[in-house]
């Protein structure tokens, strides 16, 4: 099966070369699309997926890294699934911490209660883009909305019991904006996303 890795980004925050190298060094040969614009991530992903000619696609944030066998492990787990999620690791300098995996095959109702999917560890069947696209207006919770939408439309989810994604923690990432106002604004946005699928 053929695979495309999409790296959506606005500007290089100093890690883009490492992300690209981690794609080029994969044990499973794959295509690479760099999708850069000043628009939100949903826009960049939709534009890139429209160019996909492969069976599956995954995305990689410009500041993160794929382990060398990331694509190979995910392809093995796809089988009859429409999308899968896997296990990831947080990189904080020299400290590596495994993310605690939640429900392995969450339903729409499960995701309405809690997000059990580690962003970036998924693989998607490209043909689903004809039915479900990324919301281009969202500034947060984009993945949650996309996964809820896939499940709403009957997509089958599976789980890959492998560590396939290295998530870099650094001072310039969005999730580090820890002000009370930002936290409250984000919680309200996530609540609104979930309400749309209840």
C-alpha atoms as a PDB file:
ATOM      1  CA  UNK A   1       0.000   0.000   0.000  1.00  0.00           C
ATOM      2  CA  UNK A   2       1.201   3.504  -0.795  1.00  0.00           C
ATOM      3  CA  UNK A   3       1.468   6.252   1.814  1.00  0.00           C
ATOM      4  CA  UNK A   4       1.860  10.032   1.828  1.00  0.00           C
ATOM      5  CA  UNK A   5       3.216  11.958   4.805  1.00  0.00           C
ATOM      6  CA  UNK A   6       1.895  15.524   5.019  1.00  0.00           C
ATOM      7  CA  UNK A   7       3.720  18.214   6.969  1.00  0.00           C
ATOM      8  CA  UNK A   8       1.397  21.225   7.393  1.00  0.00           C
ATOM      9  CA  UNK A   9       3.053  24.389   8.662  1.00  0.00           C
ATOM     10  CA  UNK A  10       2.976  28.175   8.663  1.00  0.00           C
ATOM     11  CA  UNK A  11       6.698  28.807   9.174  1.00  0.00           C
ATOM     12  CA  UNK A  12       9.777  26.818  10.095  1.00  0.00           C
ATOM     13  CA  UNK A  13      10.173  26.981  13.871  1.00  0.00           C
ATOM     14  CA  UNK A  14      13.643  25.454  13.681  1.00  0.00           C
ATOM     15  CA  UNK A  15      12.746  21.785  13.532  1.00  0.00           C
ATOM     16  CA  UNK A  16      11.427  21.313   9.975  1.00  0.00           C
ATOM     17  CA  UNK A  17      14.622  19.720   8.616  1.00  0.00           C
ATOM     18  CA  UNK A  18      14.521  17.076  11.363  1.00  0.00           C
ATOM     19  CA  UNK A  19      10.887  16.299  10.564  1.00  0.00           C
ATOM     20  CA  UNK A  20      11.663  15.952   6.847  1.00  0.00           C
ATOM     21  CA  UNK A  21      14.684  13.739   7.543  1.00  0.00           C
ATOM     22  CA  UNK A  22      12.562  11.436   9.710  1.00  0.00           C
ATOM     23  CA  UNK A  23      10.233  10.921   6.730  1.00  0.00           C
ATOM     24  CA  UNK A  24      13.069  10.285   4.285  1.00  0.00           C
ATOM     25  CA  UNK A  25      14.621   7.728   6.654  1.00  0.00           C
ATOM     26  CA  UNK A  26      11.508   5.565   6.973  1.00  0.00           C
ATOM     27  CA  UNK A  27      11.870   1.813   6.459  1.00  0.00           C
ATOM     28  CA  UNK A  28       8.630   1.972   4.428  1.00  0.00           C
ATOM     29  CA  UNK A  29       8.982   4.091   1.298  1.00  0.00           C
ATOM     30  CA  UNK A  30       6.482   6.966   1.278  1.00  0.00           C
ATOM     31  CA  UNK A  31       5.765  10.244  -0.472  1.00  0.00           C
ATOM     32  CA  UNK A  32       6.102  13.626   1.228  1.00  0.00           C
ATOM     33  CA  UNK A  33       3.971  16.744   0.809  1.00  0.00           C
ATOM     34  CA  UNK A  34       4.936  20.015   2.485  1.00  0.00           C
ATOM     35  CA  UNK A  35       1.805  22.141   2.863  1.00  0.00           C
ATOM     36  CA  UNK A  36       2.670  25.705   3.861  1.00  0.00           C
ATOM     37  CA  UNK A  37       0.367  28.698   4.113  1.00  0.00           C
ATOM     38  CA  UNK A  38      -0.680  31.344   6.612  1.00  0.00           C
ATOM     39  CA  UNK A  39      -4.057  29.620   6.965  1.00  0.00           C
ATOM     40  CA  UNK A  40      -5.183  27.286   9.747  1.00  0.00           C
ATOM     41  CA  UNK A  41      -4.032  23.668   9.876  1.00  0.00           C
ATOM     42  CA  UNK A  42      -7.332  22.357   8.471  1.00  0.00           C
ATOM     43  CA  UNK A  43      -6.802  24.382   5.295  1.00  0.00           C
ATOM     44  CA  UNK A  44      -3.231  23.137   4.857  1.00  0.00           C
ATOM     45  CA  UNK A  45      -4.261  19.524   5.385  1.00  0.00           C
ATOM     46  CA  UNK A  46      -7.228  19.671   3.005  1.00  0.00           C
ATOM     47  CA  UNK A  47      -5.119  21.202   0.242  1.00  0.00           C
ATOM     48  CA  UNK A  48      -2.486  18.507   0.676  1.00  0.00           C
ATOM     49  CA  UNK A  49      -4.931  15.592   0.852  1.00  0.00           C
ATOM     50  CA  UNK A  50      -6.487  16.778  -2.399  1.00  0.00           C
ATOM     51  CA  UNK A  51      -3.091  16.115  -4.014  1.00  0.00           C
ATOM     52  CA  UNK A  52      -2.712  12.639  -2.501  1.00  0.00           C
ATOM     53  CA  UNK A  53      -2.567   9.779  -4.973  1.00  0.00           C
ATOM     54  CA  UNK A  54      -1.709   7.164  -2.336  1.00  0.00           C
ATOM     55  CA  UNK A  55      -3.906   4.674  -0.464  1.00  0.00           C
ATOM     56  CA  UNK A  56      -3.182   6.144   2.963  1.00  0.00           C
ATOM     57  CA  UNK A  57      -1.929   9.380   4.445  1.00  0.00           C
ATOM     58  CA  UNK A  58      -0.573  10.578   7.785  1.00  0.00           C
ATOM     59  CA  UNK A  59       0.445  13.980   9.027  1.00  0.00           C
ATOM     60  CA  UNK A  60       3.540  15.089  10.880  1.00  0.00           C
ATOM     61  CA  UNK A  61       3.807  18.421  12.675  1.00  0.00           C
ATOM     62  CA  UNK A  62       6.845  20.427  11.594  1.00  0.00           C
ATOM     63  CA  UNK A  63       8.374  20.277  15.094  1.00  0.00           C
ATOM     64  CA  UNK A  64       7.898  16.521  15.654  1.00  0.00           C
ATOM     65  CA  UNK A  65       9.658  13.336  14.467  1.00  0.00           C
ATOM     66  CA  UNK A  66       8.666   9.920  13.146  1.00  0.00           C
ATOM     67  CA  UNK A  67      10.563   6.875  14.474  1.00  0.00           C
ATOM     68  CA  UNK A  68      12.261   5.036  11.622  1.00  0.00           C
ATOM     69  CA  UNK A  69       9.593   2.287  11.371  1.00  0.00           C
ATOM     70  CA  UNK A  70       6.576   4.523  12.032  1.00  0.00           C
ATOM     71  CA  UNK A  71       4.938   4.141   8.617  1.00  0.00           C
ATOM     72  CA  UNK A  72       5.725   0.427   8.363  1.00  0.00           C
ATOM     73  CA  UNK A  73       4.055  -0.304  11.710  1.00  0.00           C
ATOM     74  CA  UNK A  74       0.975   1.725  10.863  1.00  0.00           C
ATOM     75  CA  UNK A  75       0.475   0.121   7.462  1.00  0.00           C
ATOM     76  CA  UNK A  76       0.560  -3.312   9.121  1.00  0.00           C
ATOM     77  CA  UNK A  77      -2.226  -2.248  11.469  1.00  0.00           C
ATOM     78  CA  UNK A  78      -4.552  -0.705   8.879  1.00  0.00           C
ATOM     79  CA  UNK A  79      -6.036  -3.979   7.541  1.00  0.00           C
ATOM     80  CA  UNK A  80      -9.768  -3.341   7.020  1.00  0.00           C
ATOM     81  CA  UNK A  81      -9.773  -0.160   9.109  1.00  0.00           C
ATOM     82  CA  UNK A  82     -10.536   3.282   7.717  1.00  0.00           C
ATOM     83  CA  UNK A  83      -8.207   4.956  10.185  1.00  0.00           C
ATOM     84  CA  UNK A  84      -6.067   3.918  13.119  1.00  0.00           C
ATOM     85  CA  UNK A  85      -4.390   5.556  16.077  1.00  0.00           C
ATOM     86  CA  UNK A  86      -1.244   4.436  17.854  1.00  0.00           C
ATOM     87  CA  UNK A  87       1.067   5.215  20.771  1.00  0.00           C
ATOM     88  CA  UNK A  88       3.265   8.289  21.064  1.00  0.00           C
ATOM     89  CA  UNK A  89       6.155   9.606  23.119  1.00  0.00           C
ATOM     90  CA  UNK A  90       6.713  13.097  24.513  1.00  0.00           C
ATOM     91  CA  UNK A  91      10.199  14.536  23.957  1.00  0.00           C
ATOM     92  CA  UNK A  92      11.179  17.183  26.513  1.00  0.00           C
ATOM     93  CA  UNK A  93      14.863  17.828  25.960  1.00  0.00           C
ATOM     94  CA  UNK A  94      16.582  14.545  26.847  1.00  0.00           C
ATOM     95  CA  UNK A  95      13.539  13.209  28.703  1.00  0.00           C
ATOM     96  CA  UNK A  96      11.250  10.809  26.829  1.00  0.00           C
ATOM     97  CA  UNK A  97       7.863   9.948  28.334  1.00  0.00           C
ATOM     98  CA  UNK A  98       5.311   7.521  26.934  1.00  0.00           C
ATOM     99  CA  UNK A  99       1.781   8.836  26.515  1.00  0.00           C
ATOM    100  CA  UNK A 100      -0.829   6.869  28.454  1.00  0.00           C
ATOM    101  CA  UNK A 101      -3.083   5.110  25.962  1.00  0.00           C
ATOM    102  CA  UNK A 102      -6.835   5.346  26.586  1.00  0.00           C
ATOM    103  CA  UNK A 103      -9.570   3.301  24.944  1.00  0.00           C
ATOM    104  CA  UNK A 104      -8.077   1.370  22.024  1.00  0.00           C
ATOM    105  CA  UNK A 105     -11.077   1.544  19.674  1.00  0.00           C
ATOM    106  CA  UNK A 106     -13.068   4.555  20.887  1.00  0.00           C
ATOM    107  CA  UNK A 107     -16.600   5.172  19.676  1.00  0.00           C
ATOM    108  CA  UNK A 108     -18.058   8.565  18.877  1.00  0.00           C
ATOM    109  CA  UNK A 109     -19.594   8.626  22.358  1.00  0.00           C
ATOM    110  CA  UNK A 110     -16.218   7.808  23.927  1.00  0.00           C
ATOM    111  CA  UNK A 111     -14.615  10.798  22.197  1.00  0.00           C
ATOM    112  CA  UNK A 112     -17.454  13.028  23.283  1.00  0.00           C
ATOM    113  CA  UNK A 113     -16.396  12.297  26.875  1.00  0.00           C
ATOM    114  CA  UNK A 114     -12.607  12.303  26.453  1.00  0.00           C
ATOM    115  CA  UNK A 115     -10.110  12.432  23.610  1.00  0.00           C
ATOM    116  CA  UNK A 116      -8.484   8.991  23.609  1.00  0.00           C
ATOM    117  CA  UNK A 117      -6.437   9.596  20.447  1.00  0.00           C
ATOM    118  CA  UNK A 118      -2.853  10.886  20.546  1.00  0.00           C
ATOM    119  CA  UNK A 119      -2.523  13.447  17.784  1.00  0.00           C
ATOM    120  CA  UNK A 120      -0.147  12.553  14.986  1.00  0.00           C
ATOM    121  CA  UNK A 121      -0.229   8.789  15.592  1.00  0.00           C
ATOM    122  CA  UNK A 122      -3.066   8.177  13.129  1.00  0.00           C
ATOM    123  CA  UNK A 123      -3.151   6.846   9.591  1.00  0.00           C
ATOM    124  CA  UNK A 124      -6.112   7.550   7.316  1.00  0.00           C
ATOM    125  CA  UNK A 125      -7.554   5.944   4.222  1.00  0.00           C
ATOM    126  CA  UNK A 126      -7.326   8.648   1.535  1.00  0.00           C
ATOM    127  CA  UNK A 127     -10.648   7.738  -0.097  1.00  0.00           C
ATOM    128  CA  UNK A 128     -12.484   9.077   2.965  1.00  0.00           C
ATOM    129  CA  UNK A 129     -11.576  12.630   1.995  1.00  0.00           C
ATOM    130  CA  UNK A 130     -14.460  12.570  -0.489  1.00  0.00           C
ATOM    131  CA  UNK A 131     -16.864  12.353   2.469  1.00  0.00           C
ATOM    132  CA  UNK A 132     -15.083  14.003   5.382  1.00  0.00           C
ATOM    133  CA  UNK A 133     -12.721  16.989   5.311  1.00  0.00           C
ATOM    134  CA  UNK A 134     -10.891  18.934   7.991  1.00  0.00           C
ATOM    135  CA  UNK A 135     -12.717  21.950   9.394  1.00  0.00           C
ATOM    136  CA  UNK A 136     -10.779  24.942   8.063  1.00  0.00           C
ATOM    137  CA  UNK A 137     -12.224  27.400  10.585  1.00  0.00           C
ATOM    138  CA  UNK A 138     -11.035  25.744  13.801  1.00  0.00           C
ATOM    139  CA  UNK A 139      -8.018  27.104  15.675  1.00  0.00           C
ATOM    140  CA  UNK A 140      -7.921  24.274  18.231  1.00  0.00           C
ATOM    141  CA  UNK A 141      -9.414  20.789  18.557  1.00  0.00           C
ATOM    142  CA  UNK A 142      -9.034  20.181  14.816  1.00  0.00           C
ATOM    143  CA  UNK A 143      -8.128  16.506  15.243  1.00  0.00           C
ATOM    144  CA  UNK A 144     -10.951  15.839  17.670  1.00  0.00           C
ATOM    145  CA  UNK A 145     -13.470  17.345  15.264  1.00  0.00           C
ATOM    146  CA  UNK A 146     -12.070  15.342  12.336  1.00  0.00           C
ATOM    147  CA  UNK A 147     -12.186  12.058  14.248  1.00  0.00           C
ATOM    148  CA  UNK A 148     -15.711  12.708  15.507  1.00  0.00           C
ATOM    149  CA  UNK A 149     -16.772  13.459  11.943  1.00  0.00           C
ATOM    150  CA  UNK A 150     -15.187  10.263  10.617  1.00  0.00           C
ATOM    151  CA  UNK A 151     -16.939   8.153  13.252  1.00  0.00           C
ATOM    152  CA  UNK A 152     -20.220   9.970  12.662  1.00  0.00           C
ATOM    153  CA  UNK A 153     -20.036   8.933   9.009  1.00  0.00           C
ATOM    154  CA  UNK A 154     -19.325   5.293   9.876  1.00  0.00           C
ATOM    155  CA  UNK A 155     -15.539   5.074   9.548  1.00  0.00           C
ATOM    156  CA  UNK A 156     -13.985   2.040  11.230  1.00  0.00           C
ATOM    157  CA  UNK A 157     -11.215   2.802  13.712  1.00  0.00           C
ATOM    158  CA  UNK A 158      -8.403   0.455  14.761  1.00  0.00           C
ATOM    159  CA  UNK A 159      -5.379   0.576  17.046  1.00  0.00           C
ATOM    160  CA  UNK A 160      -1.673   0.080  16.350  1.00  0.00           C
ATOM    161  CA  UNK A 161       0.070  -1.103  19.520  1.00  0.00           C
ATOM    162  CA  UNK A 162       3.377   0.532  18.622  1.00  0.00           C
ATOM    163  CA  UNK A 163       5.153   3.807  19.392  1.00  0.00           C
ATOM    164  CA  UNK A 164       5.015   5.656  16.078  1.00  0.00           C
ATOM    165  CA  UNK A 165       5.289   9.358  16.939  1.00  0.00           C
ATOM    166  CA  UNK A 166       7.708  11.594  18.845  1.00  0.00           C
ATOM    167  CA  UNK A 167       5.989  14.761  20.072  1.00  0.00           C
ATOM    168  CA  UNK A 168       8.439  17.552  20.833  1.00  0.00           C
ATOM    169  CA  UNK A 169       7.759  19.836  23.803  1.00  0.00           C
ATOM    170  CA  UNK A 170       9.227  23.325  23.418  1.00  0.00           C
ATOM    171  CA  UNK A 171       8.510  26.909  24.379  1.00  0.00           C
ATOM    172  CA  UNK A 172       7.052  27.997  21.025  1.00  0.00           C
ATOM    173  CA  UNK A 173       4.262  25.437  20.723  1.00  0.00           C
ATOM    174  CA  UNK A 174       0.597  26.361  21.002  1.00  0.00           C
ATOM    175  CA  UNK A 175      -0.054  24.047  23.933  1.00  0.00           C
ATOM    176  CA  UNK A 176       2.373  26.050  26.076  1.00  0.00           C
ATOM    177  CA  UNK A 177       0.126  29.107  26.192  1.00  0.00           C
ATOM    178  CA  UNK A 178      -0.958  28.414  29.766  1.00  0.00           C
ATOM    179  CA  UNK A 179      -2.697  31.668  30.660  1.00  0.00           C
ATOM    180  CA  UNK A 180      -6.086  31.285  32.323  1.00  0.00           C
ATOM    181  CA  UNK A 181      -7.773  33.232  29.527  1.00  0.00           C
ATOM    182  CA  UNK A 182      -6.257  30.954  26.862  1.00  0.00           C
ATOM    183  CA  UNK A 183      -7.179  27.797  28.796  1.00  0.00           C
ATOM    184  CA  UNK A 184     -10.777  28.939  29.224  1.00  0.00           C
ATOM    185  CA  UNK A 185     -11.040  29.932  25.567  1.00  0.00           C
ATOM    186  CA  UNK A 186      -9.723  26.532  24.476  1.00  0.00           C
ATOM    187  CA  UNK A 187     -12.085  24.646  26.797  1.00  0.00           C
ATOM    188  CA  UNK A 188     -15.023  26.604  25.388  1.00  0.00           C
ATOM    189  CA  UNK A 189     -13.939  25.805  21.826  1.00  0.00           C
ATOM    190  CA  UNK A 190     -13.610  22.071  22.579  1.00  0.00           C
ATOM    191  CA  UNK A 191     -17.007  22.063  24.279  1.00  0.00           C
ATOM    192  CA  UNK A 192     -18.557  23.653  21.203  1.00  0.00           C
ATOM    193  CA  UNK A 193     -17.009  20.970  18.970  1.00  0.00           C
ATOM    194  CA  UNK A 194     -18.409  18.167  21.123  1.00  0.00           C
ATOM    195  CA  UNK A 195     -21.849  19.772  21.279  1.00  0.00           C
ATOM    196  CA  UNK A 196     -22.019  19.717  17.494  1.00  0.00           C
ATOM    197  CA  UNK A 197     -21.849  15.895  17.554  1.00  0.00           C
ATOM    198  CA  UNK A 198     -24.115  15.148  20.519  1.00  0.00           C
END
